[in-house]
Amino acid sequence: MHHLVIDRWSRGSSSLHQRDPRAKLAALLVFLVVLSTTRPGAQWAFVAYAVLLILTANLARLPILGLASRAALVLPFSATFALLTWWSGDSLRALALAEKSFLSGTAALLLVGTTPLTGWTAALESWRVPRMLILVIQFVYRYLFVIAEQVQRMRWAALCRGPKQRGFRLAAGLVGVLFARSWQRADGIYHAMLARGFRGRFVPAPPAPFRSSDALFLSTCLAGCLAIRMLL
């Protein structure tokens, strides 16, 4: 699955990859709370948040441009509200909305790109998050691989037929075929899981002990976020 690089990122060996998933998840929550409560006029604070994320990405040895391009995918969803806010006359709040969306997406990608799925879902389970929600997250993440692989195969097939095929009908047909084939593959995977003993729950690995280095990492993130929030 070479086209899903985020999962490959999460298998790295940097010092950030080695931190406890509970510490990284708590640091993400702190960052999101601090970011969401930052006033729109504190533009230097948003710059400091961006610098903090860049330093974290360097620590994790992740490509900054790759993170930024994937985090930018959230901008079309927030752009509607940002434009409405801009047209209402509050351009600073509109800019802050776009900045918060982009920085939040980057922070979430840093968590997913440095922690395997089993790690941060086990952290959620240790926090007594509803099991059904965790199960939905796990299935959605795994079935994204199925859809992405099917898209790649259909893309290769379309290239083999020639580059001249265009049009809305072709695109609509490809989308329909994609979901039909993905549904068939997903159904086959689910029945294979049942045949191997799946009973509605992925058994998480026992959590590792929370070390002093994890506590130091969490404390540093907390101090940095609060310092930016209060001083800028």
C-alpha atoms as a PDB file:
ATOM      1  CA  MET A   1       0.000   0.000   0.000  1.00  0.00           C
ATOM      2  CA  HIS A   2       2.645   2.489  -1.100  1.00  0.00           C
ATOM      3  CA  HIS A   3       0.087   5.217  -1.790  1.00  0.00           C
ATOM      4  CA  LEU A   4      -0.981   5.437   1.851  1.00  0.00           C
ATOM      5  CA  VAL A   5       2.165   6.956   3.251  1.00  0.00           C
ATOM      6  CA  ILE A   6       0.715   8.004   6.605  1.00  0.00           C
ATOM      7  CA  ASP A   7       0.632   4.405   7.783  1.00  0.00           C
ATOM      8  CA  ARG A   8       4.275   4.061   6.727  1.00  0.00           C
ATOM      9  CA  TRP A   9       5.133   7.237   8.613  1.00  0.00           C
ATOM     10  CA  SER A  10       3.651   5.798  11.788  1.00  0.00           C
ATOM     11  CA  ARG A  11       6.172   2.924  11.703  1.00  0.00           C
ATOM     12  CA  GLY A  12       9.150   5.238  12.162  1.00  0.00           C
ATOM     13  CA  SER A  13      11.743   5.109  14.914  1.00  0.00           C
ATOM     14  CA  SER A  14      12.203   8.729  15.982  1.00  0.00           C
ATOM     15  CA  SER A  15      12.064   9.838  19.588  1.00  0.00           C
ATOM     16  CA  LEU A  16       8.525  11.110  19.029  1.00  0.00           C
ATOM     17  CA  HIS A  17       7.444   7.742  17.659  1.00  0.00           C
ATOM     18  CA  GLN A  18       8.691   6.126  20.866  1.00  0.00           C
ATOM     19  CA  ARG A  19       6.588   8.296  23.165  1.00  0.00           C
ATOM     20  CA  ASP A  20       3.559   6.748  24.824  1.00  0.00           C
ATOM     21  CA  PRO A  21       0.378   7.147  22.710  1.00  0.00           C
ATOM     22  CA  ARG A  22      -1.489   8.415  25.793  1.00  0.00           C
ATOM     23  CA  ALA A  23       1.016  11.252  26.182  1.00  0.00           C
ATOM     24  CA  LYS A  24       0.778  12.189  22.512  1.00  0.00           C
ATOM     25  CA  LEU A  25      -3.009  12.053  22.552  1.00  0.00           C
ATOM     26  CA  ALA A  26      -3.148  14.239  25.665  1.00  0.00           C
ATOM     27  CA  ALA A  27      -0.706  16.701  24.058  1.00  0.00           C
ATOM     28  CA  LEU A  28      -2.928  16.873  20.971  1.00  0.00           C
ATOM     29  CA  LEU A  29      -6.002  17.615  23.083  1.00  0.00           C
ATOM     30  CA  VAL A  30      -4.140  20.362  24.950  1.00  0.00           C
ATOM     31  CA  PHE A  31      -2.977  21.886  21.677  1.00  0.00           C
ATOM     32  CA  LEU A  32      -6.486  21.817  20.184  1.00  0.00           C
ATOM     33  CA  VAL A  33      -8.048  23.417  23.253  1.00  0.00           C
ATOM     34  CA  VAL A  34      -5.401  26.155  23.406  1.00  0.00           C
ATOM     35  CA  LEU A  35      -5.633  26.761  19.653  1.00  0.00           C
ATOM     36  CA  SER A  36      -9.431  26.956  19.628  1.00  0.00           C
ATOM     37  CA  THR A  37      -9.493  29.499  22.466  1.00  0.00           C
ATOM     38  CA  THR A  38      -6.884  31.806  20.918  1.00  0.00           C
ATOM     39  CA  ARG A  39      -8.432  35.139  19.933  1.00  0.00           C
ATOM     40  CA  PRO A  40      -8.462  35.950  16.197  1.00  0.00           C
ATOM     41  CA  GLY A  41      -6.321  39.050  16.655  1.00  0.00           C
ATOM     42  CA  ALA A  42      -3.375  37.105  18.124  1.00  0.00           C
ATOM     43  CA  GLN A  43      -1.740  36.415  14.759  1.00  0.00           C
ATOM     44  CA  TRP A  44       1.713  36.029  16.283  1.00  0.00           C
ATOM     45  CA  ALA A  45       0.308  33.191  18.388  1.00  0.00           C
ATOM     46  CA  PHE A  46      -0.734  31.332  15.241  1.00  0.00           C
ATOM     47  CA  VAL A  47       2.768  31.833  13.862  1.00  0.00           C
ATOM     48  CA  ALA A  48       4.186  30.379  17.089  1.00  0.00           C
ATOM     49  CA  TYR A  49       1.814  27.393  16.858  1.00  0.00           C
ATOM     50  CA  ALA A  50       3.009  26.771  13.299  1.00  0.00           C
ATOM     51  CA  VAL A  51       6.652  26.939  14.387  1.00  0.00           C
ATOM     52  CA  LEU A  52       5.886  24.493  17.201  1.00  0.00           C
ATOM     53  CA  LEU A  53       4.344  22.041  14.723  1.00  0.00           C
ATOM     54  CA  ILE A  54       7.307  22.415  12.337  1.00  0.00           C
ATOM     55  CA  LEU A  55       9.750  21.645  15.150  1.00  0.00           C
ATOM     56  CA  THR A  56       7.669  18.615  16.127  1.00  0.00           C
ATOM     57  CA  ALA A  57       7.614  17.368  12.525  1.00  0.00           C
ATOM     58  CA  ASN A  58      11.401  17.729  12.349  1.00  0.00           C
ATOM     59  CA  LEU A  59      11.703  15.809  15.606  1.00  0.00           C
ATOM     60  CA  ALA A  60       9.578  13.034  14.127  1.00  0.00           C
ATOM     61  CA  ARG A  61      11.543  13.144  10.839  1.00  0.00           C
ATOM     62  CA  LEU A  62       8.350  13.615   8.818  1.00  0.00           C
ATOM     63  CA  PRO A  63       8.220  15.638   5.558  1.00  0.00           C
ATOM     64  CA  ILE A  64       6.779  19.059   6.334  1.00  0.00           C
ATOM     65  CA  LEU A  65       5.476  19.617   2.803  1.00  0.00           C
ATOM     66  CA  GLY A  66       3.771  16.227   2.851  1.00  0.00           C
ATOM     67  CA  LEU A  67       2.082  17.036   6.143  1.00  0.00           C
ATOM     68  CA  ALA A  68       1.030  20.484   4.945  1.00  0.00           C
ATOM     69  CA  SER A  69      -0.445  19.209   1.675  1.00  0.00           C
ATOM     70  CA  ARG A  70      -2.536  16.616   3.492  1.00  0.00           C
ATOM     71  CA  ALA A  71      -3.615  19.032   6.229  1.00  0.00           C
ATOM     72  CA  ALA A  72      -4.772  21.459   3.513  1.00  0.00           C
ATOM     73  CA  LEU A  73      -7.500  18.965   2.598  1.00  0.00           C
ATOM     74  CA  VAL A  74      -9.565  20.294   5.516  1.00  0.00           C
ATOM     75  CA  LEU A  75      -9.540  23.840   4.113  1.00  0.00           C
ATOM     76  CA  PRO A  76     -12.364  23.348   1.552  1.00  0.00           C
ATOM     77  CA  PHE A  77     -14.687  22.355   4.409  1.00  0.00           C
ATOM     78  CA  SER A  78     -13.859  25.404   6.528  1.00  0.00           C
ATOM     79  CA  ALA A  79     -13.569  27.763   3.555  1.00  0.00           C
ATOM     80  CA  THR A  80     -17.357  28.111   3.302  1.00  0.00           C
ATOM     81  CA  PHE A  81     -17.661  29.408   6.846  1.00  0.00           C
ATOM     82  CA  ALA A  82     -14.540  31.533   6.436  1.00  0.00           C
ATOM     83  CA  LEU A  83     -15.963  33.186   3.292  1.00  0.00           C
ATOM     84  CA  LEU A  84     -19.292  33.858   4.996  1.00  0.00           C
ATOM     85  CA  THR A  85     -17.441  35.439   7.907  1.00  0.00           C
ATOM     86  CA  TRP A  86     -15.314  37.474   5.470  1.00  0.00           C
ATOM     87  CA  TRP A  87     -18.394  38.763   3.633  1.00  0.00           C
ATOM     88  CA  SER A  88     -19.988  39.748   6.928  1.00  0.00           C
ATOM     89  CA  GLY A  89     -17.114  42.172   7.458  1.00  0.00           C
ATOM     90  CA  ASP A  90     -14.993  40.261   9.983  1.00  0.00           C
ATOM     91  CA  SER A  91     -11.953  39.421   7.855  1.00  0.00           C
ATOM     92  CA  LEU A  92      -9.690  38.786  10.856  1.00  0.00           C
ATOM     93  CA  ARG A  93     -12.019  36.139  12.271  1.00  0.00           C
ATOM     94  CA  ALA A  94     -12.277  34.513   8.838  1.00  0.00           C
ATOM     95  CA  LEU A  95      -8.504  34.317   8.582  1.00  0.00           C
ATOM     96  CA  ALA A  96      -8.278  32.871  12.096  1.00  0.00           C
ATOM     97  CA  LEU A  97     -10.857  30.212  11.199  1.00  0.00           C
ATOM     98  CA  ALA A  98      -8.776  29.052   8.235  1.00  0.00           C
ATOM     99  CA  GLU A  99      -5.604  29.096  10.321  1.00  0.00           C
ATOM    100  CA  LYS A 100      -7.168  27.095  13.126  1.00  0.00           C
ATOM    101  CA  SER A 101      -8.510  24.499  10.688  1.00  0.00           C
ATOM    102  CA  PHE A 102      -5.142  24.052   8.996  1.00  0.00           C
ATOM    103  CA  LEU A 103      -3.145  23.897  12.236  1.00  0.00           C
ATOM    104  CA  SER A 104      -5.636  21.468  13.800  1.00  0.00           C
ATOM    105  CA  GLY A 105      -5.373  19.167  10.794  1.00  0.00           C
ATOM    106  CA  THR A 106      -1.582  19.301  10.906  1.00  0.00           C
ATOM    107  CA  ALA A 107      -1.539  18.461  14.616  1.00  0.00           C
ATOM    108  CA  ALA A 108      -3.886  15.513  14.098  1.00  0.00           C
ATOM    109  CA  LEU A 109      -1.706  14.251  11.235  1.00  0.00           C
ATOM    110  CA  LEU A 110       1.343  14.449  13.493  1.00  0.00           C
ATOM    111  CA  LEU A 111      -0.391  12.148  15.957  1.00  0.00           C
ATOM    112  CA  VAL A 112      -1.493   9.661  13.292  1.00  0.00           C
ATOM    113  CA  GLY A 113       1.851   9.890  11.486  1.00  0.00           C
ATOM    114  CA  THR A 114       3.845   9.034  14.624  1.00  0.00           C
ATOM    115  CA  THR A 115       1.516   6.488  16.236  1.00  0.00           C
ATOM    116  CA  PRO A 116       0.145   3.276  14.693  1.00  0.00           C
ATOM    117  CA  LEU A 117      -3.617   2.831  14.727  1.00  0.00           C
ATOM    118  CA  THR A 118      -3.419   0.182  17.427  1.00  0.00           C
ATOM    119  CA  GLY A 119      -1.478   2.589  19.647  1.00  0.00           C
ATOM    120  CA  TRP A 120      -3.819   5.564  19.741  1.00  0.00           C
ATOM    121  CA  THR A 121      -6.985   3.474  19.740  1.00  0.00           C
ATOM    122  CA  ALA A 122      -5.594   1.586  22.756  1.00  0.00           C
ATOM    123  CA  ALA A 123      -5.006   4.980  24.371  1.00  0.00           C
ATOM    124  CA  LEU A 124      -8.630   5.896  23.689  1.00  0.00           C
ATOM    125  CA  GLU A 125      -9.784   2.622  25.197  1.00  0.00           C
ATOM    126  CA  SER A 126      -7.682   3.208  28.322  1.00  0.00           C
ATOM    127  CA  TRP A 127      -9.534   6.530  28.684  1.00  0.00           C
ATOM    128  CA  ARG A 128     -12.859   4.652  28.652  1.00  0.00           C
ATOM    129  CA  VAL A 129     -13.964   6.068  25.309  1.00  0.00           C
ATOM    130  CA  PRO A 130     -17.118   4.197  24.142  1.00  0.00           C
ATOM    131  CA  ARG A 131     -16.092   0.928  22.559  1.00  0.00           C
ATOM    132  CA  MET A 132     -18.484   1.338  19.624  1.00  0.00           C
ATOM    133  CA  LEU A 133     -16.824   4.623  18.643  1.00  0.00           C
ATOM    134  CA  ILE A 134     -13.381   2.999  18.751  1.00  0.00           C
ATOM    135  CA  LEU A 135     -14.650   0.104  16.643  1.00  0.00           C
ATOM    136  CA  VAL A 136     -16.029   2.501  14.022  1.00  0.00           C
ATOM    137  CA  ILE A 137     -12.687   4.354  13.889  1.00  0.00           C
ATOM    138  CA  GLN A 138     -10.795   1.088  13.426  1.00  0.00           C
ATOM    139  CA  PHE A 139     -13.088  -0.151  10.646  1.00  0.00           C
ATOM    140  CA  VAL A 140     -13.076   3.178   8.784  1.00  0.00           C
ATOM    141  CA  TYR A 141      -9.277   3.372   8.929  1.00  0.00           C
ATOM    142  CA  ARG A 142      -8.798  -0.201   7.722  1.00  0.00           C
ATOM    143  CA  TYR A 143     -11.378   0.012   4.938  1.00  0.00           C
ATOM    144  CA  LEU A 144      -9.739   3.180   3.629  1.00  0.00           C
ATOM    145  CA  PHE A 145      -6.943   0.863   2.511  1.00  0.00           C
ATOM    146  CA  VAL A 146      -9.468  -1.214   0.578  1.00  0.00           C
ATOM    147  CA  ILE A 147     -10.930   1.823  -1.193  1.00  0.00           C
ATOM    148  CA  ALA A 148      -7.503   3.322  -1.918  1.00  0.00           C
ATOM    149  CA  GLU A 149      -6.230   0.075  -3.407  1.00  0.00           C
ATOM    150  CA  GLN A 150      -9.330  -0.216  -5.584  1.00  0.00           C
ATOM    151  CA  VAL A 151      -8.878   3.380  -6.791  1.00  0.00           C
ATOM    152  CA  GLN A 152      -5.279   2.615  -7.718  1.00  0.00           C
ATOM    153  CA  ARG A 153      -6.291  -0.457  -9.709  1.00  0.00           C
ATOM    154  CA  MET A 154      -9.032   1.426 -11.547  1.00  0.00           C
ATOM    155  CA  ARG A 155      -6.595   4.248 -12.323  1.00  0.00           C
ATOM    156  CA  TRP A 156      -4.141   1.788 -13.862  1.00  0.00           C
ATOM    157  CA  ALA A 157      -6.941   0.198 -15.887  1.00  0.00           C
ATOM    158  CA  ALA A 158      -8.072   3.607 -17.180  1.00  0.00           C
ATOM    159  CA  LEU A 159      -4.500   4.509 -18.184  1.00  0.00           C
ATOM    160  CA  CYS A 160      -4.189   1.235 -20.071  1.00  0.00           C
ATOM    161  CA  ARG A 161      -7.337   2.081 -22.071  1.00  0.00           C
ATOM    162  CA  GLY A 162      -5.850   5.389 -23.192  1.00  0.00           C
ATOM    163  CA  PRO A 163      -5.824   8.990 -21.944  1.00  0.00           C
ATOM    164  CA  LYS A 164      -8.603  10.251 -24.228  1.00  0.00           C
ATOM    165  CA  GLN A 165     -11.576   9.111 -22.136  1.00  0.00           C
ATOM    166  CA  ARG A 166     -13.135  12.118 -20.389  1.00  0.00           C
ATOM    167  CA  GLY A 167     -16.515  13.408 -19.293  1.00  0.00           C
ATOM    168  CA  PHE A 168     -19.009  13.467 -16.447  1.00  0.00           C
ATOM    169  CA  ARG A 169     -20.619  10.160 -17.412  1.00  0.00           C
ATOM    170  CA  LEU A 170     -17.297   8.365 -17.254  1.00  0.00           C
ATOM    171  CA  ALA A 171     -16.496   9.894 -13.851  1.00  0.00           C
ATOM    172  CA  ALA A 172     -19.931   8.990 -12.464  1.00  0.00           C
ATOM    173  CA  GLY A 173     -19.609   5.457 -13.762  1.00  0.00           C
ATOM    174  CA  LEU A 174     -16.171   5.051 -12.222  1.00  0.00           C
ATOM    175  CA  VAL A 175     -17.461   6.243  -8.841  1.00  0.00           C
ATOM    176  CA  GLY A 176     -20.313   3.736  -9.002  1.00  0.00           C
ATOM    177  CA  VAL A 177     -17.979   0.891  -9.933  1.00  0.00           C
ATOM    178  CA  LEU A 178     -15.565   1.938  -7.200  1.00  0.00           C
ATOM    179  CA  PHE A 179     -18.154   1.730  -4.438  1.00  0.00           C
ATOM    180  CA  ALA A 180     -19.637  -1.513  -5.780  1.00  0.00           C
ATOM    181  CA  ARG A 181     -16.258  -3.247  -5.914  1.00  0.00           C
ATOM    182  CA  SER A 182     -15.163  -1.776  -2.580  1.00  0.00           C
ATOM    183  CA  TRP A 183     -18.371  -3.009  -0.987  1.00  0.00           C
ATOM    184  CA  GLN A 184     -17.769  -6.508  -2.329  1.00  0.00           C
ATOM    185  CA  ARG A 185     -14.177  -6.568  -1.075  1.00  0.00           C
ATOM    186  CA  ALA A 186     -15.132  -5.136   2.311  1.00  0.00           C
ATOM    187  CA  ASP A 187     -17.879  -7.739   2.701  1.00  0.00           C
ATOM    188  CA  GLY A 188     -15.413 -10.485   1.860  1.00  0.00           C
ATOM    189  CA  ILE A 189     -12.910  -9.113   4.387  1.00  0.00           C
ATOM    190  CA  TYR A 190     -15.581  -8.972   7.087  1.00  0.00           C
ATOM    191  CA  HIS A 191     -16.602 -12.607   6.516  1.00  0.00           C
ATOM    192  CA  ALA A 192     -12.930 -13.620   6.596  1.00  0.00           C
ATOM    193  CA  MET A 193     -12.616 -11.833   9.951  1.00  0.00           C
ATOM    194  CA  LEU A 194     -15.656 -13.712  11.281  1.00  0.00           C
ATOM    195  CA  ALA A 195     -14.127 -16.998  10.091  1.00  0.00           C
ATOM    196  CA  ARG A 196     -10.965 -16.160  12.061  1.00  0.00           C
ATOM    197  CA  GLY A 197     -12.863 -15.563  15.290  1.00  0.00           C
ATOM    198  CA  PHE A 198     -13.773 -11.857  15.231  1.00  0.00           C
ATOM    199  CA  ARG A 199     -16.584 -11.221  17.702  1.00  0.00           C
ATOM    200  CA  GLY A 200     -17.156  -7.490  17.466  1.00  0.00           C
ATOM    201  CA  ARG A 201     -14.018  -6.226  19.197  1.00  0.00           C
ATOM    202  CA  PHE A 202     -10.345  -5.863  18.383  1.00  0.00           C
ATOM    203  CA  VAL A 203      -8.322  -7.032  21.362  1.00  0.00           C
ATOM    204  CA  PRO A 204      -5.896  -4.228  22.272  1.00  0.00           C
ATOM    205  CA  ALA A 205      -2.328  -4.920  23.307  1.00  0.00           C
ATOM    206  CA  PRO A 206      -1.604  -4.337  27.002  1.00  0.00           C
ATOM    207  CA  PRO A 207      -0.467  -0.729  27.495  1.00  0.00           C
ATOM    208  CA  ALA A 208       3.190  -0.099  28.181  1.00  0.00           C
ATOM    209  CA  PRO A 209       4.120   1.613  31.454  1.00  0.00           C
ATOM    210  CA  PHE A 210       3.980   5.406  31.385  1.00  0.00           C
ATOM    211  CA  ARG A 211       7.642   6.422  31.679  1.00  0.00           C
ATOM    212  CA  SER A 212       9.233   9.580  32.991  1.00  0.00           C
ATOM    213  CA  SER A 213      10.274  10.564  29.451  1.00  0.00           C
ATOM    214  CA  ASP A 214       6.603  10.446  28.425  1.00  0.00           C
ATOM    215  CA  ALA A 215       5.648  12.656  31.356  1.00  0.00           C
ATOM    216  CA  LEU A 216       8.451  15.072  30.425  1.00  0.00           C
ATOM    217  CA  PHE A 217       7.221  15.201  26.831  1.00  0.00           C
ATOM    218  CA  LEU A 218       3.664  15.911  27.913  1.00  0.00           C
ATOM    219  CA  SER A 219       4.791  18.567  30.395  1.00  0.00           C
ATOM    220  CA  THR A 220       6.921  20.275  27.731  1.00  0.00           C
ATOM    221  CA  CYS A 221       4.016  20.353  25.273  1.00  0.00           C
ATOM    222  CA  LEU A 222       1.680  21.681  27.946  1.00  0.00           C
ATOM    223  CA  ALA A 223       4.127  24.402  28.993  1.00  0.00           C
ATOM    224  CA  GLY A 224       4.826  25.440  25.395  1.00  0.00           C
ATOM    225  CA  CYS A 225       1.153  25.664  24.430  1.00  0.00           C
ATOM    226  CA  LEU A 226       0.196  27.586  27.551  1.00  0.00           C
ATOM    227  CA  ALA A 227       3.152  29.969  27.145  1.00  0.00           C
ATOM    228  CA  ILE A 228       2.083  30.814  23.592  1.00  0.00           C
ATOM    229  CA  ARG A 229      -1.537  31.190  24.642  1.00  0.00           C
ATOM    230  CA  MET A 230      -0.816  33.522  27.549  1.00  0.00           C
ATOM    231  CA  LEU A 231       2.073  35.583  26.209  1.00  0.00           C
ATOM    232  CA  LEU A 232       1.059  36.236  22.593  1.00  0.00           C
END
